[in-house]
């Protein structure tokens, strides 16, 4: 399957290509700033983990266009089922950097009350279902939610983000088949970044990427250059119209809701997480090529500079300002009290059963013995 692209690695439009008319120069510049903010935040939080201030972190280096570009093309009320490299989409929807840090630091202001490991965000206000660690659990969930939107005639879709590694799980096939047979308006967005932790895509499958599997299930499929913001936006815009039945890619009159899969061909420039060292299984030359040639920020920066909409001076000033602001937020959130220990045992049952009360008492006794000077209840 061919890969749809609008802009090449030199920041130039392909002959005959055009930017979607909805993408005004102002929107393009705002998108670039959001991608750059995402990268600066990732750098600060990655360093904070290395300093022992948080326990874990995942960056989005190299995949900023996939998350920001897709989020721009959605209805802001569409339901998001994310994996863990979509923080750019969350920032675009208004999820603040302070909220990101509250979750990563398990502060008292974390909506998850400190019960999830870092980067497992969830926020009802931006229609983000809480991220789970096990791979692909969100895929059948998104299919079910999309079917509920269809039955409720809400005019919304579900958007499910996942990586190529998650597509190797059984839930991928089950979720897509459910959505396909039920005509559920679900947009499955696969980031094929060529690596599932240390397993290259060449060892995951022999077929034509993830797209071939989707086609076999009768689902309309689009393969797009995930490092090209313009292509991602246009593909997502078209996919949403197809999912809602506004247009029929098979030439009909539309009206029939259906799932769509986008396979965004991109690259994970950093380690899989702070628990990984990617230099042990891939060459520095490979990483350097993607970082220096195919990087989505680099491409868009060249495009903007060529049109006088951005400069190296503005770039340096913006990045420095964002870093200063983010470091200030880091100090603020780090100083906040941690989420309450008691919240570990609430929200599952209306009335806490005796066995959980017993476990809570046992944990508090252990902490009193091991850390007699710790703050009670935290």
Protein backbone atom coordinates (compact mmCIF):
# COMPACT_ATOMS: atom_id res chain seq x y z
CA UNK A 1 0.00 0.00 0.00
CA UNK A 2 1.35 3.43 -0.93
CA UNK A 3 2.00 6.09 1.68
CA UNK A 4 0.13 9.37 1.37
CA UNK A 5 2.30 12.45 1.79
CA UNK A 6 2.07 16.18 1.17
CA UNK A 7 5.50 17.44 2.27
CA UNK A 8 8.86 15.77 1.70
CA UNK A 9 11.87 15.56 4.02
CA UNK A 10 13.17 18.90 2.70
CA UNK A 11 10.04 20.74 3.82
CA UNK A 12 8.80 21.12 0.24
CA UNK A 13 5.39 20.13 -1.10
CA UNK A 14 5.31 17.22 -3.51
CA UNK A 15 4.42 18.19 -7.08
CA UNK A 16 0.65 18.31 -7.41
CA UNK A 17 0.12 18.25 -3.64
CA UNK A 18 -1.80 20.85 -1.71
CA UNK A 19 -2.27 21.67 1.95
CA UNK A 20 -5.81 21.14 3.25
CA UNK A 21 -7.69 24.46 2.97
CA UNK A 22 -8.60 24.37 6.67
CA UNK A 23 -4.90 24.69 7.56
CA UNK A 24 -4.39 28.44 7.53
CA UNK A 25 -0.88 29.88 8.04
CA UNK A 26 -1.89 30.76 11.62
CA UNK A 27 -3.02 27.19 12.34
CA UNK A 28 0.18 25.77 10.88
CA UNK A 29 2.34 28.01 13.04
CA UNK A 30 0.26 27.18 16.14
CA UNK A 31 0.67 23.48 15.37
CA UNK A 32 4.42 23.88 15.10
CA UNK A 33 4.58 25.68 18.43
CA UNK A 34 2.52 22.93 20.05
CA UNK A 35 4.84 20.26 18.66
CA UNK A 36 7.87 22.20 19.90
CA UNK A 37 6.28 22.66 23.34
CA UNK A 38 5.67 18.90 23.45
CA UNK A 39 9.34 18.24 22.69
CA UNK A 40 10.60 20.72 25.31
CA UNK A 41 8.29 19.24 27.96
CA UNK A 42 9.44 15.72 27.09
CA UNK A 43 13.06 16.78 27.48
CA UNK A 44 12.44 18.30 30.93
CA UNK A 45 10.43 15.34 32.24
CA UNK A 46 12.88 12.83 30.80
CA UNK A 47 15.69 14.59 32.66
CA UNK A 48 13.61 14.70 35.85
CA UNK A 49 13.26 10.92 35.75
CA UNK A 50 17.00 10.54 35.26
CA UNK A 51 17.46 12.74 38.34
CA UNK A 52 15.23 10.41 40.37
CA UNK A 53 12.39 12.90 40.76
CA UNK A 54 9.78 10.71 39.03
CA UNK A 55 9.83 6.95 38.57
CA UNK A 56 9.16 6.56 34.85
CA UNK A 57 8.61 8.50 31.64
CA UNK A 58 7.99 8.04 27.91
CA UNK A 59 8.84 10.66 25.29
CA UNK A 60 7.21 11.40 21.92
CA UNK A 61 10.34 12.48 20.06
CA UNK A 62 9.81 11.93 16.33
CA UNK A 63 6.06 11.37 16.63
CA UNK A 64 4.82 14.87 17.43
CA UNK A 65 3.20 15.40 14.00
CA UNK A 66 1.17 12.20 14.30
CA UNK A 67 -0.46 13.21 17.58
CA UNK A 68 -0.88 16.95 17.03
CA UNK A 69 -1.88 16.64 13.37
CA UNK A 70 -4.56 14.06 14.09
CA UNK A 71 -5.96 15.93 17.10
CA UNK A 72 -6.38 19.07 14.99
CA UNK A 73 -8.69 17.24 12.58
CA UNK A 74 -11.04 15.79 15.20
CA UNK A 75 -14.17 17.09 16.86
CA UNK A 76 -12.97 18.21 20.33
CA UNK A 77 -15.65 15.99 21.89
CA UNK A 78 -14.64 12.82 20.05
CA UNK A 79 -13.70 10.12 22.56
CA UNK A 80 -9.97 9.40 22.80
CA UNK A 81 -8.56 6.02 23.76
CA UNK A 82 -4.81 6.62 23.81
CA UNK A 83 -1.72 4.54 24.39
CA UNK A 84 1.14 6.59 25.76
CA UNK A 85 2.76 8.65 23.01
CA UNK A 86 -0.21 10.90 22.31
CA UNK A 87 0.52 13.66 24.80
CA UNK A 88 0.68 16.11 21.89
CA UNK A 89 -3.00 15.39 21.18
CA UNK A 90 -3.83 15.97 24.84
CA UNK A 91 -1.96 19.27 24.95
CA UNK A 92 -3.77 20.37 21.81
CA UNK A 93 -7.09 19.62 23.51
CA UNK A 94 -6.19 21.80 26.46
CA UNK A 95 -4.61 19.31 28.86
CA UNK A 96 -2.14 21.54 30.68
CA UNK A 97 1.50 20.80 31.34
CA UNK A 98 0.78 21.20 35.04
CA UNK A 99 -1.83 18.43 34.76
CA UNK A 100 0.74 16.25 32.97
CA UNK A 101 3.15 16.81 35.85
CA UNK A 102 0.48 16.28 38.53
CA UNK A 103 -0.07 12.84 37.08
CA UNK A 104 3.63 12.00 36.70
CA UNK A 105 4.43 13.17 40.25
CA UNK A 106 1.25 11.64 41.78
CA UNK A 107 0.49 14.97 43.39
CA UNK A 108 -2.60 15.75 45.42
CA UNK A 109 -4.07 17.37 42.28
CA UNK A 110 -3.68 14.26 40.13
CA UNK A 111 -7.21 13.26 38.96
CA UNK A 112 -6.09 9.62 39.21
CA UNK A 113 -5.13 10.24 42.86
CA UNK A 114 -1.70 8.72 42.42
CA UNK A 115 -3.01 5.27 41.56
CA UNK A 116 -1.47 5.05 38.08
CA UNK A 117 2.17 5.00 37.02
CA UNK A 118 3.46 8.11 35.18
CA UNK A 119 2.17 8.94 31.64
CA UNK A 120 -1.10 7.05 32.26
CA UNK A 121 -3.27 10.12 31.85
CA UNK A 122 -7.05 10.32 32.02
CA UNK A 123 -9.30 13.35 31.89
CA UNK A 124 -13.06 13.51 31.53
CA UNK A 125 -12.97 17.18 30.52
CA UNK A 126 -11.07 16.50 27.29
CA UNK A 127 -12.82 13.16 26.66
CA UNK A 128 -9.70 11.11 27.37
CA UNK A 129 -10.25 7.61 28.70
CA UNK A 130 -7.57 6.61 31.20
CA UNK A 131 -4.53 5.00 29.60
CA UNK A 132 -3.72 1.40 30.56
CA UNK A 133 -0.33 -0.33 30.63
CA UNK A 134 -1.36 -3.66 29.03
CA UNK A 135 -1.10 -3.41 25.26
CA UNK A 136 -4.21 -3.12 23.08
CA UNK A 137 -6.83 -3.20 25.84
CA UNK A 138 -8.14 0.12 24.53
CA UNK A 139 -8.90 -1.24 21.03
CA UNK A 140 -12.06 -3.27 21.79
CA UNK A 141 -13.08 -0.62 24.32
CA UNK A 142 -12.92 2.04 21.61
CA UNK A 143 -14.97 -0.16 19.27
CA UNK A 144 -17.66 -0.52 21.92
CA UNK A 145 -17.71 3.19 22.69
CA UNK A 146 -17.98 3.98 18.98
CA UNK A 147 -20.99 1.65 18.68
CA UNK A 148 -22.57 3.46 21.64
CA UNK A 149 -22.08 6.77 19.81
CA UNK A 150 -23.77 5.24 16.77
CA UNK A 151 -26.76 4.03 18.79
CA UNK A 152 -26.99 7.34 20.64
CA UNK A 153 -26.73 9.37 17.42
CA UNK A 154 -24.26 11.69 19.14
CA UNK A 155 -22.47 12.81 15.98
CA UNK A 156 -19.17 11.77 17.56
CA UNK A 157 -16.61 9.04 16.97
CA UNK A 158 -14.09 7.13 19.05
CA UNK A 159 -10.42 7.58 18.23
CA UNK A 160 -8.08 4.77 19.26
CA UNK A 161 -4.32 5.32 19.23
CA UNK A 162 -1.90 2.40 19.45
CA UNK A 163 1.51 1.29 18.19
CA UNK A 164 2.61 -1.44 15.81
CA UNK A 165 3.49 -3.66 18.77
CA UNK A 166 -0.07 -3.42 20.10
CA UNK A 167 -1.32 -4.53 16.67
CA UNK A 168 0.34 -7.88 17.34
CA UNK A 169 -2.06 -8.53 20.22
CA UNK A 170 -5.29 -10.48 19.87
CA UNK A 171 -7.35 -7.50 21.02
CA UNK A 172 -6.40 -5.72 17.80
CA UNK A 173 -8.11 -8.29 15.60
CA UNK A 174 -11.11 -8.66 17.89
CA UNK A 175 -11.61 -4.90 18.24
CA UNK A 176 -11.38 -4.17 14.52
CA UNK A 177 -13.67 -7.07 13.64
CA UNK A 178 -16.29 -5.89 16.17
CA UNK A 179 -16.17 -2.35 14.78
CA UNK A 180 -16.31 -3.58 11.18
CA UNK A 181 -19.26 -5.91 11.59
CA UNK A 182 -21.22 -3.42 13.72
CA UNK A 183 -20.48 -0.42 11.50
CA UNK A 184 -19.07 1.47 14.47
CA UNK A 185 -17.66 4.97 13.76
CA UNK A 186 -14.21 4.31 15.18
CA UNK A 187 -10.94 5.76 13.89
CA UNK A 188 -8.11 3.35 14.63
CA UNK A 189 -4.85 5.31 14.51
CA UNK A 190 -1.76 3.08 14.44
CA UNK A 191 1.63 4.68 14.92
CA UNK A 192 3.97 2.33 13.10
CA UNK A 193 7.26 3.65 14.48
CA UNK A 194 9.15 0.51 13.36
CA UNK A 195 9.99 -0.70 16.88
CA UNK A 196 8.00 -2.48 19.60
CA UNK A 197 10.48 -1.77 22.39
CA UNK A 198 13.46 -3.78 21.06
CA UNK A 199 11.55 -5.85 18.49
CA UNK A 200 11.81 -4.41 14.95
CA UNK A 201 8.77 -4.53 12.69
CA UNK A 202 10.60 -7.04 10.46
CA UNK A 203 10.34 -9.57 13.31
CA UNK A 204 6.71 -8.77 14.11
CA UNK A 205 5.11 -9.57 10.75
CA UNK A 206 5.82 -10.58 7.16
CA UNK A 207 2.84 -8.85 5.57
CA UNK A 208 2.43 -5.29 4.37
CA UNK A 209 2.56 -3.53 7.73
CA UNK A 210 -0.61 -3.03 9.76
CA UNK A 211 -2.65 -1.74 6.81
CA UNK A 212 -2.95 -5.16 5.17
CA UNK A 213 -4.62 -6.64 8.22
CA UNK A 214 -7.22 -3.91 8.31
CA UNK A 215 -8.04 -4.31 4.63
CA UNK A 216 -8.54 -8.05 5.17
CA UNK A 217 -11.20 -7.22 7.77
CA UNK A 218 -13.08 -5.07 5.26
CA UNK A 219 -12.10 -1.79 6.91
CA UNK A 220 -11.22 1.28 4.86
CA UNK A 221 -7.52 1.94 5.39
CA UNK A 222 -5.20 4.89 4.82
CA UNK A 223 -1.42 4.74 5.09
CA UNK A 224 0.12 8.14 5.73
CA UNK A 225 3.54 9.68 6.35
CA UNK A 226 3.33 10.17 10.13
CA UNK A 227 6.15 12.74 10.11
CA UNK A 228 4.20 14.99 7.73
CA UNK A 229 1.79 17.22 9.69
CA UNK A 230 -0.11 18.21 6.53
CA UNK A 231 -0.65 14.61 5.44
CA UNK A 232 -1.72 13.45 8.91
CA UNK A 233 -4.24 16.27 9.19
CA UNK A 234 -5.77 15.63 5.76
CA UNK A 235 -5.91 11.86 6.28
CA UNK A 236 -7.55 12.21 9.70
CA UNK A 237 -10.05 14.74 8.35
CA UNK A 238 -11.02 12.35 5.54
CA UNK A 239 -11.11 9.35 7.87
CA UNK A 240 -13.52 11.08 10.23
CA UNK A 241 -15.88 11.92 7.36
CA UNK A 242 -15.81 8.29 6.24
CA UNK A 243 -16.39 7.00 9.78
CA UNK A 244 -19.42 9.27 10.20
CA UNK A 245 -20.84 8.27 6.82
CA UNK A 246 -20.48 11.76 5.37
CA UNK A 247 -18.69 10.26 2.39
CA UNK A 248 -18.39 6.71 1.08
CA UNK A 249 -14.91 5.81 -0.22
CA UNK A 250 -16.48 3.04 -2.33
CA UNK A 251 -18.45 5.58 -4.33
CA UNK A 252 -21.85 5.38 -2.65
CA UNK A 253 -23.99 8.20 -1.36
CA UNK A 254 -22.67 7.95 2.19
CA UNK A 255 -24.85 7.66 5.25
CA UNK A 256 -23.36 4.41 6.53
CA UNK A 257 -21.07 4.70 9.53
CA UNK A 258 -17.99 2.51 9.50
CA UNK A 259 -14.56 2.17 11.11
CA UNK A 260 -11.40 3.47 9.44
CA UNK A 261 -7.77 2.65 10.14
CA UNK A 262 -4.87 5.04 9.61
CA UNK A 263 -1.38 3.60 9.64
CA UNK A 264 0.98 6.50 10.32
CA UNK A 265 4.50 5.57 9.22
CA UNK A 266 6.83 7.28 11.65
CA UNK A 267 9.85 6.60 13.87
CA UNK A 268 10.51 6.50 17.60
CA UNK A 269 13.64 8.61 17.92
CA UNK A 270 14.19 8.09 21.64
CA UNK A 271 14.35 5.02 23.83
CA UNK A 272 11.07 3.19 24.32
CA UNK A 273 10.97 4.53 27.86
CA UNK A 274 13.30 5.49 30.66
CA UNK A 275 13.58 1.75 31.38
CA UNK A 276 15.11 1.12 27.95
CA UNK A 277 18.43 1.71 26.17
CA UNK A 278 17.71 1.61 22.44
CA UNK A 279 21.41 1.90 21.50
CA UNK A 280 21.74 -1.76 22.46
CA UNK A 281 19.56 -2.91 19.56
CA UNK A 282 19.74 -0.20 16.87
CA UNK A 283 22.59 1.76 15.38
CA UNK A 284 23.42 5.41 16.09
CA UNK A 285 23.37 5.98 12.32
CA UNK A 286 19.75 4.85 12.07
CA UNK A 287 18.64 7.12 14.92
CA UNK A 288 20.64 10.05 13.53
CA UNK A 289 19.05 9.72 10.08
CA UNK A 290 15.54 9.99 11.43
CA UNK A 291 16.42 12.72 13.90
CA UNK A 292 18.35 14.87 11.42
CA UNK A 293 16.54 14.16 8.14
CA UNK A 294 13.00 12.90 8.70
CA UNK A 295 12.16 14.62 11.98
CA UNK A 296 8.65 16.17 11.79
CA UNK A 297 9.71 19.37 13.59
CA UNK A 298 12.62 19.87 11.23
CA UNK A 299 10.42 19.45 8.16
CA UNK A 300 7.80 21.91 9.34
CA UNK A 301 10.42 24.39 10.54
CA UNK A 302 12.03 24.45 7.09
CA UNK A 303 8.61 24.98 5.50
CA UNK A 304 7.82 27.90 7.81
CA UNK A 305 11.24 29.50 7.49
CA UNK A 306 11.04 29.38 3.69
CA UNK A 307 7.87 31.48 3.89
CA UNK A 308 9.18 33.96 6.42
CA UNK A 309 6.76 32.73 9.10
CA UNK A 310 9.48 31.57 11.51
CA UNK A 311 13.17 32.08 12.16
CA UNK A 312 16.02 30.58 14.14
CA UNK A 313 15.89 33.59 16.48
CA UNK A 314 12.19 33.01 17.19
CA UNK A 315 12.86 29.30 17.61
CA UNK A 316 15.56 29.87 20.22
CA UNK A 317 13.50 32.44 22.12
CA UNK A 318 10.33 30.31 22.11
CA UNK A 319 12.13 27.14 23.23
CA UNK A 320 13.96 29.02 26.01
CA UNK A 321 10.74 30.62 27.23
CA UNK A 322 8.88 27.32 27.24
CA UNK A 323 11.70 25.58 29.06
CA UNK A 324 11.78 28.26 31.74
CA UNK A 325 8.00 28.05 32.19
CA UNK A 326 8.04 24.24 32.33
CA UNK A 327 10.88 24.18 34.86
CA UNK A 328 8.91 26.60 37.01
CA UNK A 329 5.88 24.31 36.85
CA UNK A 330 8.09 21.36 37.69
CA UNK A 331 9.22 23.04 40.92
CA UNK A 332 5.63 23.97 41.76
CA UNK A 333 4.23 20.46 41.25
CA UNK A 334 7.15 18.75 42.95
CA UNK A 335 6.44 20.82 46.08
CA UNK A 336 2.80 19.73 46.23
CA UNK A 337 1.75 17.04 48.74
CA UNK A 338 1.36 13.56 47.35
CA UNK A 339 -2.02 12.00 46.77
CA UNK A 340 -3.55 10.48 49.89
CA UNK A 341 -2.65 6.91 50.75
CA UNK A 342 -6.28 6.22 51.60
CA UNK A 343 -7.29 6.81 47.99
CA UNK A 344 -5.64 3.53 47.06
CA UNK A 345 -8.60 1.72 48.58
CA UNK A 346 -11.54 3.82 47.42
CA UNK A 347 -13.77 4.00 44.30
CA UNK A 348 -13.94 0.28 43.58
CA UNK A 349 -16.74 -0.54 46.03
CA UNK A 350 -19.48 1.71 47.40
CA UNK A 351 -18.77 0.28 50.87
CA UNK A 352 -15.17 -0.80 51.40
CA UNK A 353 -15.19 -4.55 52.25
CA UNK A 354 -13.40 -5.89 55.35
CA UNK A 355 -10.54 -7.43 53.37
CA UNK A 356 -9.59 -4.06 51.86
CA UNK A 357 -9.88 -2.34 55.23
CA UNK A 358 -7.57 -5.01 56.61
CA UNK A 359 -5.06 -4.45 53.80
CA UNK A 360 -5.11 -0.69 54.40
CA UNK A 361 -4.50 -1.17 58.12
CA UNK A 362 -1.64 -3.57 57.38
CA UNK A 363 -0.04 -1.09 54.94
CA UNK A 364 -0.29 1.82 57.39
CA UNK A 365 1.26 -0.29 60.16
CA UNK A 366 4.12 -1.27 57.85
CA UNK A 367 4.78 2.36 56.93
CA UNK A 368 4.76 3.41 60.61
CA UNK A 369 7.42 0.80 61.33
CA UNK A 370 9.56 1.48 58.26
CA UNK A 371 9.13 5.27 58.04
CA UNK A 372 8.13 6.54 61.48
CA UNK A 373 8.71 10.17 60.45
CA UNK A 374 6.55 10.07 57.33
CA UNK A 375 3.43 12.24 57.11
CA UNK A 376 0.40 10.37 58.35
CA UNK A 377 -2.08 9.48 55.65
CA UNK A 378 0.26 10.21 52.74
